Amino acid sequence: MALTLCGAFALTLVAVVVVNRFCREGHPLAPVAGAGILFGFVITLMKVVLTGVARVVDSGWRVSVSDVPLMLCAFFTVLGFYVATRLLQTAHRLARADAVLAGLTVIDPLVAAFLGILVLGELAAAPIWVLALLTVPAAIAIRGVIVISRISGRSIRGPDTSKV
């Protein structure tokens, strides 16, 4: 479980960094989406780390080879937090605060919930209709971000300071 999550994080981190590197002049919501995705991973990785630390404490602080994925998850948690924070700063520079806040408020928990369901098996005992039902509020939230980013006909880009 931990190695699967770490592998998925590593691939996602590379993808987010590459997309944001090539979208420097592109859409200002690219760093918002990247930060939200990485923060969702950070939350899920932190859950794995805290669960593993509790297990180590309960075993009398005995660390074994089987705890190496736990250490890898801890490293990726710190790395993910750093990269996501950098993307968040870029997002605030490129987009209005309401678009950044709306994007993070929706993307971050959706990614964390998705990872919790698929990788950590948190809803393994739930019937399939429950999983299908969970997609409805997710779709509504995503639509809300789109509406907020277009509200009052303004661009999602920040104020134009070049004419000041």
C-alpha atoms as a PDB file:
ATOM      1  CA  MET A   1       0.000   0.000   0.000  1.00  0.00           C
ATOM      2  CA  ALA A   2       2.678   2.533   1.004  1.00  0.00           C
ATOM      3  CA  LEU A   3       4.901   1.690  -1.963  1.00  0.00           C
ATOM      4  CA  THR A   4       1.960   1.967  -4.348  1.00  0.00           C
ATOM      5  CA  LEU A   5       1.103   5.378  -2.947  1.00  0.00           C
ATOM      6  CA  CYS A   6       4.735   6.522  -3.115  1.00  0.00           C
ATOM      7  CA  GLY A   7       5.034   5.342  -6.718  1.00  0.00           C
ATOM      8  CA  ALA A   8       1.830   7.130  -7.699  1.00  0.00           C
ATOM      9  CA  PHE A   9       3.070  10.266  -5.949  1.00  0.00           C
ATOM     10  CA  ALA A  10       6.426  10.166  -7.739  1.00  0.00           C
ATOM     11  CA  LEU A  11       4.765   9.850 -11.149  1.00  0.00           C
ATOM     12  CA  THR A  12       2.256  12.583 -10.327  1.00  0.00           C
ATOM     13  CA  LEU A  13       4.987  14.889  -9.032  1.00  0.00           C
ATOM     14  CA  VAL A  14       6.937  14.544 -12.271  1.00  0.00           C
ATOM     15  CA  ALA A  15       3.783  15.152 -14.333  1.00  0.00           C
ATOM     16  CA  VAL A  16       2.778  18.239 -12.325  1.00  0.00           C
ATOM     17  CA  VAL A  17       6.248  19.754 -12.511  1.00  0.00           C
ATOM     18  CA  VAL A  18       6.515  19.118 -16.270  1.00  0.00           C
ATOM     19  CA  VAL A  19       3.051  20.538 -16.994  1.00  0.00           C
ATOM     20  CA  ASN A  20       3.708  23.641 -14.911  1.00  0.00           C
ATOM     21  CA  ARG A  21       7.124  24.117 -16.481  1.00  0.00           C
ATOM     22  CA  PHE A  22       5.563  24.211 -19.969  1.00  0.00           C
ATOM     23  CA  CYS A  23       2.548  26.283 -18.859  1.00  0.00           C
ATOM     24  CA  ARG A  24       4.550  29.280 -17.674  1.00  0.00           C
ATOM     25  CA  GLU A  25       2.635  31.536 -20.051  1.00  0.00           C
ATOM     26  CA  GLY A  26      -0.339  29.204 -20.259  1.00  0.00           C
ATOM     27  CA  HIS A  27      -3.436  28.919 -18.164  1.00  0.00           C
ATOM     28  CA  PRO A  28      -3.081  30.431 -14.667  1.00  0.00           C
ATOM     29  CA  LEU A  29      -5.070  27.597 -13.104  1.00  0.00           C
ATOM     30  CA  ALA A  30      -2.336  25.048 -13.977  1.00  0.00           C
ATOM     31  CA  PRO A  31      -0.363  25.792 -10.788  1.00  0.00           C
ATOM     32  CA  VAL A  32      -3.628  25.781  -8.793  1.00  0.00           C
ATOM     33  CA  ALA A  33      -4.464  22.309 -10.081  1.00  0.00           C
ATOM     34  CA  GLY A  34      -0.897  21.119  -9.507  1.00  0.00           C
ATOM     35  CA  ALA A  35      -0.842  22.424  -5.935  1.00  0.00           C
ATOM     36  CA  GLY A  36      -4.249  20.914  -5.199  1.00  0.00           C
ATOM     37  CA  ILE A  37      -3.229  17.525  -6.554  1.00  0.00           C
ATOM     38  CA  LEU A  38       0.031  17.499  -4.606  1.00  0.00           C
ATOM     39  CA  PHE A  39      -1.626  18.681  -1.376  1.00  0.00           C
ATOM     40  CA  GLY A  40      -4.128  15.826  -1.778  1.00  0.00           C
ATOM     41  CA  PHE A  41      -1.202  13.418  -1.988  1.00  0.00           C
ATOM     42  CA  VAL A  42       0.459  15.070   1.028  1.00  0.00           C
ATOM     43  CA  ILE A  43      -2.662  14.514   3.126  1.00  0.00           C
ATOM     44  CA  THR A  44      -2.886  10.852   2.104  1.00  0.00           C
ATOM     45  CA  LEU A  45       0.841  10.264   2.583  1.00  0.00           C
ATOM     46  CA  MET A  46       0.612  11.857   6.020  1.00  0.00           C
ATOM     47  CA  LYS A  47      -2.176   9.454   6.978  1.00  0.00           C
ATOM     48  CA  VAL A  48       0.059   6.526   6.000  1.00  0.00           C
ATOM     49  CA  VAL A  49       3.010   8.008   7.929  1.00  0.00           C
ATOM     50  CA  LEU A  50       0.983   8.644  11.083  1.00  0.00           C
ATOM     51  CA  THR A  51      -0.537   5.159  10.968  1.00  0.00           C
ATOM     52  CA  GLY A  52       2.940   3.663  10.543  1.00  0.00           C
ATOM     53  CA  VAL A  53       4.425   5.744  13.370  1.00  0.00           C
ATOM     54  CA  ALA A  54       1.597   4.609  15.670  1.00  0.00           C
ATOM     55  CA  ARG A  55       2.413   1.008  14.744  1.00  0.00           C
ATOM     56  CA  VAL A  56       6.128   1.545  15.497  1.00  0.00           C
ATOM     57  CA  VAL A  57       5.318   3.168  18.848  1.00  0.00           C
ATOM     58  CA  ASP A  58       2.970   0.300  19.753  1.00  0.00           C
ATOM     59  CA  SER A  59       5.727  -2.213  18.955  1.00  0.00           C
ATOM     60  CA  GLY A  60       8.083  -0.574  21.458  1.00  0.00           C
ATOM     61  CA  TRP A  61       9.912   1.617  18.934  1.00  0.00           C
ATOM     62  CA  ARG A  62      11.250  -1.369  17.006  1.00  0.00           C
ATOM     63  CA  VAL A  63      11.956  -0.345  13.426  1.00  0.00           C
ATOM     64  CA  SER A  64      12.414  -3.040  10.813  1.00  0.00           C
ATOM     65  CA  VAL A  65      13.094  -3.316   7.108  1.00  0.00           C
ATOM     66  CA  SER A  66       9.347  -3.374   6.525  1.00  0.00           C
ATOM     67  CA  ASP A  67       9.265   0.277   7.705  1.00  0.00           C
ATOM     68  CA  VAL A  68      11.374   1.526   4.770  1.00  0.00           C
ATOM     69  CA  PRO A  69       8.228   2.387   2.733  1.00  0.00           C
ATOM     70  CA  LEU A  70       7.074   4.406   5.750  1.00  0.00           C
ATOM     71  CA  MET A  71      10.298   6.420   5.657  1.00  0.00           C
ATOM     72  CA  LEU A  72       9.881   6.893   1.911  1.00  0.00           C
ATOM     73  CA  CYS A  73       6.338   8.163   2.493  1.00  0.00           C
ATOM     74  CA  ALA A  74       7.664  10.619   5.105  1.00  0.00           C
ATOM     75  CA  PHE A  75      10.253  11.927   2.618  1.00  0.00           C
ATOM     76  CA  PHE A  76       7.627  12.287  -0.128  1.00  0.00           C
ATOM     77  CA  THR A  77       5.318  14.094   2.310  1.00  0.00           C
ATOM     78  CA  VAL A  78       7.938  16.780   2.906  1.00  0.00           C
ATOM     79  CA  LEU A  79       8.881  16.963  -0.792  1.00  0.00           C
ATOM     80  CA  GLY A  80       5.236  17.175  -1.858  1.00  0.00           C
ATOM     81  CA  PHE A  81       4.521  19.913   0.660  1.00  0.00           C
ATOM     82  CA  TYR A  82       7.483  21.935  -0.589  1.00  0.00           C
ATOM     83  CA  VAL A  83       6.606  21.641  -4.282  1.00  0.00           C
ATOM     84  CA  ALA A  84       2.881  22.252  -3.670  1.00  0.00           C
ATOM     85  CA  THR A  85       3.675  25.370  -1.630  1.00  0.00           C
ATOM     86  CA  ARG A  86       5.878  26.704  -4.434  1.00  0.00           C
ATOM     87  CA  LEU A  87       3.080  26.071  -6.938  1.00  0.00           C
ATOM     88  CA  LEU A  88       0.619  27.775  -4.630  1.00  0.00           C
ATOM     89  CA  GLN A  89       2.812  30.890  -4.528  1.00  0.00           C
ATOM     90  CA  THR A  90       2.966  30.850  -8.333  1.00  0.00           C
ATOM     91  CA  ALA A  91      -0.808  30.445  -8.492  1.00  0.00           C
ATOM     92  CA  HIS A  92      -1.326  33.490  -6.261  1.00  0.00           C
ATOM     93  CA  ARG A  93       0.965  35.472  -8.528  1.00  0.00           C
ATOM     94  CA  LEU A  94      -0.884  34.461 -11.721  1.00  0.00           C
ATOM     95  CA  ALA A  95      -4.536  34.173 -10.690  1.00  0.00           C
ATOM     96  CA  ARG A  96      -7.041  35.971  -8.506  1.00  0.00           C
ATOM     97  CA  ALA A  97      -7.288  34.818  -4.903  1.00  0.00           C
ATOM     98  CA  ASP A  98     -10.892  33.596  -5.290  1.00  0.00           C
ATOM     99  CA  ALA A  99      -9.930  31.307  -8.175  1.00  0.00           C
ATOM    100  CA  VAL A 100      -6.942  29.934  -6.252  1.00  0.00           C
ATOM    101  CA  LEU A 101      -9.008  29.350  -3.115  1.00  0.00           C
ATOM    102  CA  ALA A 102     -11.862  27.727  -5.023  1.00  0.00           C
ATOM    103  CA  GLY A 103      -9.500  25.447  -6.904  1.00  0.00           C
ATOM    104  CA  LEU A 104      -7.634  24.307  -3.805  1.00  0.00           C
ATOM    105  CA  THR A 105     -10.833  23.869  -1.799  1.00  0.00           C
ATOM    106  CA  VAL A 106     -12.156  21.416  -4.387  1.00  0.00           C
ATOM    107  CA  ILE A 107      -9.092  19.695  -5.889  1.00  0.00           C
ATOM    108  CA  ASP A 108      -7.210  18.927  -2.679  1.00  0.00           C
ATOM    109  CA  PRO A 109      -9.980  16.948  -0.892  1.00  0.00           C
ATOM    110  CA  LEU A 110     -11.089  15.243  -4.109  1.00  0.00           C
ATOM    111  CA  VAL A 111      -7.603  13.874  -4.705  1.00  0.00           C
ATOM    112  CA  ALA A 112      -7.249  12.819  -1.062  1.00  0.00           C
ATOM    113  CA  ALA A 113     -10.640  11.071  -1.131  1.00  0.00           C
ATOM    114  CA  PHE A 114      -9.837   9.398  -4.456  1.00  0.00           C
ATOM    115  CA  LEU A 115      -6.524   8.090  -3.112  1.00  0.00           C
ATOM    116  CA  GLY A 116      -8.132   6.982   0.136  1.00  0.00           C
ATOM    117  CA  ILE A 117     -10.770   5.007  -1.730  1.00  0.00           C
ATOM    118  CA  LEU A 118      -8.576   3.478  -4.442  1.00  0.00           C
ATOM    119  CA  VAL A 119      -5.171   3.039  -2.819  1.00  0.00           C
ATOM    120  CA  LEU A 120      -5.916   2.789   0.907  1.00  0.00           C
ATOM    121  CA  GLY A 121      -9.173   0.860   0.480  1.00  0.00           C
ATOM    122  CA  GLU A 122     -11.142   3.071   2.856  1.00  0.00           C
ATOM    123  CA  LEU A 123     -14.478   2.227   1.227  1.00  0.00           C
ATOM    124  CA  ALA A 124     -13.674  -1.373   0.356  1.00  0.00           C
ATOM    125  CA  ALA A 125     -16.806  -2.675   2.106  1.00  0.00           C
ATOM    126  CA  ALA A 126     -19.127  -0.050   0.610  1.00  0.00           C
ATOM    127  CA  PRO A 127     -21.539  -1.032  -2.159  1.00  0.00           C
ATOM    128  CA  ILE A 128     -20.766   0.294  -5.643  1.00  0.00           C
ATOM    129  CA  TRP A 129     -23.803   2.598  -5.618  1.00  0.00           C
ATOM    130  CA  VAL A 130     -22.251   4.535  -2.711  1.00  0.00           C
ATOM    131  CA  LEU A 131     -19.136   5.176  -4.786  1.00  0.00           C
ATOM    132  CA  ALA A 132     -21.278   6.280  -7.723  1.00  0.00           C
ATOM    133  CA  LEU A 133     -23.281   8.551  -5.440  1.00  0.00           C
ATOM    134  CA  LEU A 134     -20.087  10.235  -4.222  1.00  0.00           C
ATOM    135  CA  THR A 135     -19.363  11.473  -7.734  1.00  0.00           C
ATOM    136  CA  VAL A 136     -22.421  13.776  -7.718  1.00  0.00           C
ATOM    137  CA  PRO A 137     -21.136  16.264  -5.110  1.00  0.00           C
ATOM    138  CA  ALA A 138     -17.681  16.071  -6.688  1.00  0.00           C
ATOM    139  CA  ALA A 139     -19.105  17.092 -10.066  1.00  0.00           C
ATOM    140  CA  ILE A 140     -21.089  19.913  -8.447  1.00  0.00           C
ATOM    141  CA  ALA A 141     -17.958  21.177  -6.684  1.00  0.00           C
ATOM    142  CA  ILE A 142     -15.917  21.117  -9.893  1.00  0.00           C
ATOM    143  CA  ARG A 143     -18.672  23.020 -11.677  1.00  0.00           C
ATOM    144  CA  GLY A 144     -18.639  25.557  -8.839  1.00  0.00           C
ATOM    145  CA  VAL A 145     -14.942  26.228  -9.366  1.00  0.00           C
ATOM    146  CA  ILE A 146     -15.570  26.853 -13.042  1.00  0.00           C
ATOM    147  CA  VAL A 147     -18.409  29.256 -12.237  1.00  0.00           C
ATOM    148  CA  ILE A 148     -16.343  31.114  -9.632  1.00  0.00           C
ATOM    149  CA  SER A 149     -13.462  31.489 -12.076  1.00  0.00           C
ATOM    150  CA  ARG A 150     -15.822  33.090 -14.619  1.00  0.00           C
ATOM    151  CA  ILE A 151     -17.912  35.173 -12.210  1.00  0.00           C
ATOM    152  CA  SER A 152     -18.815  38.723 -13.237  1.00  0.00           C
ATOM    153  CA  GLY A 153     -17.127  38.300 -16.607  1.00  0.00           C
ATOM    154  CA  ARG A 154     -13.651  39.016 -15.233  1.00  0.00           C
ATOM    155  CA  SER A 155     -10.580  37.080 -16.230  1.00  0.00           C
ATOM    156  CA  ILE A 156      -9.137  34.661 -13.703  1.00  0.00           C
ATOM    157  CA  ARG A 157      -5.815  36.359 -14.155  1.00  0.00           C
ATOM    158  CA  GLY A 158      -4.776  38.815 -11.511  1.00  0.00           C
ATOM    159  CA  PRO A 159      -4.879  42.583 -12.032  1.00  0.00           C
ATOM    160  CA  ASP A 160      -2.891  43.980 -14.942  1.00  0.00           C
ATOM    161  CA  THR A 161      -0.028  45.874 -13.325  1.00  0.00           C
ATOM    162  CA  SER A 162       1.802  46.570 -16.580  1.00  0.00           C
ATOM    163  CA  LYS A 163      -0.273  49.746 -17.204  1.00  0.00           C
ATOM    164  CA  VAL A 164       0.256  51.249 -13.761  1.00  0.00           C
END
